[in-house]
Amino acid sequence: MGKNHGNGNNSGNGNNSSSGSELPQTGETQLTISLIVGIAILASVAGATVYNKKK
């Protein structure tokens, strides 16, 4: 059938480290995006309010 060249699951590439410093916390990305979108909405509402009061 041929030779096994080590392309299986146990290739030993060293990507199984468990250091938490490289991985983002759960929900961190969604929290950041939500925060930016919320600030943008608040700024838009405040800007529209100021713009309408100047008219």
N, C-alpha and C. Protein backbone atom coordinates (compact mmCIF):
# COMPACT_ATOMS: atom_id res chain seq x y z
N MET A 1 0.81 -1.20 0.00
CA MET A 1 0.00 0.00 0.00
C MET A 1 0.85 1.26 0.00
N GLY A 2 2.10 1.20 0.31
CA GLY A 2 2.94 2.38 0.30
C GLY A 2 3.43 2.72 1.70
N LYS A 3 4.28 3.70 1.76
CA LYS A 3 4.88 4.10 3.03
C LYS A 3 4.09 5.23 3.68
N ASN A 4 4.12 5.25 5.01
CA ASN A 4 3.50 6.33 5.75
C ASN A 4 4.52 7.44 5.94
N HIS A 5 4.23 8.62 5.44
CA HIS A 5 5.17 9.73 5.50
C HIS A 5 4.91 10.69 6.65
N GLY A 6 4.13 10.27 7.61
CA GLY A 6 3.89 11.12 8.77
C GLY A 6 2.88 12.22 8.55
N ASN A 7 1.95 12.03 7.63
CA ASN A 7 0.94 13.04 7.37
C ASN A 7 -0.36 12.78 8.14
N GLY A 8 -0.30 11.95 9.12
CA GLY A 8 -1.48 11.63 9.91
C GLY A 8 -1.73 12.64 11.00
N ASN A 9 -2.55 12.26 11.98
CA ASN A 9 -2.90 13.16 13.06
C ASN A 9 -1.75 13.39 14.04
N ASN A 10 -0.82 12.46 14.10
CA ASN A 10 0.28 12.56 15.06
C ASN A 10 1.56 13.01 14.36
N SER A 11 1.49 14.12 13.64
CA SER A 11 2.66 14.57 12.89
C SER A 11 3.66 15.30 13.77
N GLY A 12 3.24 15.72 14.96
CA GLY A 12 4.18 16.36 15.89
C GLY A 12 4.62 17.73 15.46
N ASN A 13 3.70 18.55 14.97
CA ASN A 13 4.07 19.87 14.50
C ASN A 13 4.15 20.90 15.62
N GLY A 14 3.80 20.55 16.83
CA GLY A 14 3.96 21.45 17.97
C GLY A 14 2.90 22.51 18.11
N ASN A 15 1.76 22.38 17.46
CA ASN A 15 0.71 23.38 17.55
C ASN A 15 -0.28 23.08 18.67
N ASN A 16 0.06 22.18 19.56
CA ASN A 16 -0.85 21.80 20.62
C ASN A 16 -0.51 22.47 21.94
N SER A 17 0.10 23.64 21.90
CA SER A 17 0.46 24.32 23.15
C SER A 17 -0.80 24.85 23.82
N SER A 18 -0.78 24.89 25.13
CA SER A 18 -1.95 25.31 25.88
C SER A 18 -1.73 26.66 26.54
N SER A 19 -0.89 27.51 25.94
CA SER A 19 -0.66 28.82 26.55
C SER A 19 -1.86 29.70 26.27
N GLY A 20 -2.44 30.27 27.30
CA GLY A 20 -3.63 31.08 27.16
C GLY A 20 -3.36 32.47 26.63
N SER A 21 -2.10 32.89 26.56
CA SER A 21 -1.82 34.25 26.12
C SER A 21 -2.07 34.44 24.64
N GLU A 22 -2.05 33.39 23.85
CA GLU A 22 -2.26 33.51 22.42
C GLU A 22 -3.72 33.48 22.03
N LEU A 23 -4.58 32.91 22.86
CA LEU A 23 -5.98 32.73 22.52
C LEU A 23 -6.82 33.85 23.10
N PRO A 24 -7.78 34.38 22.32
CA PRO A 24 -8.66 35.41 22.85
C PRO A 24 -9.64 34.82 23.85
N GLN A 25 -10.10 35.63 24.77
CA GLN A 25 -11.09 35.18 25.73
C GLN A 25 -12.43 35.00 25.02
N THR A 26 -13.30 34.20 25.59
CA THR A 26 -14.60 33.93 25.00
C THR A 26 -15.41 35.20 24.91
N GLY A 27 -15.88 35.54 23.74
CA GLY A 27 -16.71 36.71 23.53
C GLY A 27 -15.96 38.03 23.44
N GLU A 28 -14.65 38.00 23.48
CA GLU A 28 -13.88 39.25 23.47
C GLU A 28 -14.07 40.01 22.16
N THR A 29 -14.04 39.31 21.05
CA THR A 29 -14.19 39.96 19.75
C THR A 29 -15.59 40.54 19.59
N GLN A 30 -16.61 39.77 19.97
CA GLN A 30 -17.97 40.25 19.86
C GLN A 30 -18.20 41.45 20.76
N LEU A 31 -17.59 41.47 21.93
CA LEU A 31 -17.74 42.59 22.85
C LEU A 31 -17.13 43.85 22.26
N THR A 32 -15.98 43.73 21.66
CA THR A 32 -15.31 44.88 21.06
C THR A 32 -16.13 45.44 19.90
N ILE A 33 -16.62 44.57 19.04
CA ILE A 33 -17.43 45.02 17.90
C ILE A 33 -18.71 45.68 18.39
N SER A 34 -19.36 45.09 19.39
CA SER A 34 -20.59 45.66 19.93
C SER A 34 -20.34 47.03 20.55
N LEU A 35 -19.23 47.17 21.23
CA LEU A 35 -18.88 48.45 21.85
C LEU A 35 -18.67 49.53 20.79
N ILE A 36 -17.96 49.20 19.73
CA ILE A 36 -17.71 50.17 18.66
C ILE A 36 -19.01 50.56 17.97
N VAL A 37 -19.87 49.58 17.69
CA VAL A 37 -21.14 49.87 17.03
C VAL A 37 -22.02 50.72 17.95
N GLY A 38 -22.05 50.42 19.23
CA GLY A 38 -22.85 51.20 20.18
C GLY A 38 -22.38 52.64 20.27
N ILE A 39 -21.09 52.85 20.32
CA ILE A 39 -20.55 54.21 20.38
C ILE A 39 -20.87 54.96 19.09
N ALA A 40 -20.78 54.28 17.96
CA ALA A 40 -21.10 54.92 16.68
C ALA A 40 -22.57 55.33 16.62
N ILE A 41 -23.46 54.48 17.14
CA ILE A 41 -24.89 54.81 17.15
C ILE A 41 -25.15 56.01 18.05
N LEU A 42 -24.55 56.00 19.24
CA LEU A 42 -24.72 57.13 20.16
C LEU A 42 -24.20 58.43 19.55
N ALA A 43 -23.06 58.36 18.90
CA ALA A 43 -22.50 59.56 18.27
C ALA A 43 -23.40 60.05 17.14
N SER A 44 -23.98 59.13 16.38
CA SER A 44 -24.88 59.51 15.30
C SER A 44 -26.14 60.19 15.83
N VAL A 45 -26.71 59.63 16.88
CA VAL A 45 -27.91 60.22 17.48
C VAL A 45 -27.60 61.60 18.05
N ALA A 46 -26.48 61.72 18.75
CA ALA A 46 -26.09 63.01 19.32
C ALA A 46 -25.84 64.03 18.21
N GLY A 47 -25.18 63.62 17.14
CA GLY A 47 -24.92 64.52 16.03
C GLY A 47 -26.20 64.95 15.34
N ALA A 48 -27.13 64.03 15.15
CA ALA A 48 -28.40 64.38 14.52
C ALA A 48 -29.20 65.34 15.41
N THR A 49 -29.15 65.12 16.72
CA THR A 49 -29.86 66.00 17.65
C THR A 49 -29.30 67.42 17.60
N VAL A 50 -27.99 67.54 17.64
CA VAL A 50 -27.36 68.86 17.59
C VAL A 50 -27.63 69.53 16.25
N TYR A 51 -27.57 68.75 15.17
CA TYR A 51 -27.81 69.31 13.83
C TYR A 51 -29.24 69.83 13.70
N ASN A 52 -30.22 69.07 14.24
CA ASN A 52 -31.62 69.49 14.15
C ASN A 52 -31.91 70.70 15.03
N LYS A 53 -31.22 70.84 16.16
CA LYS A 53 -31.45 71.99 17.02
C LYS A 53 -30.87 73.27 16.41
N LYS A 54 -29.87 73.16 15.55
CA LYS A 54 -29.28 74.33 14.94
C LYS A 54 -30.16 74.89 13.83
N LYS A 55 -31.04 74.10 13.29
CA LYS A 55 -31.91 74.55 12.18
C LYS A 55 -32.95 75.54 12.63
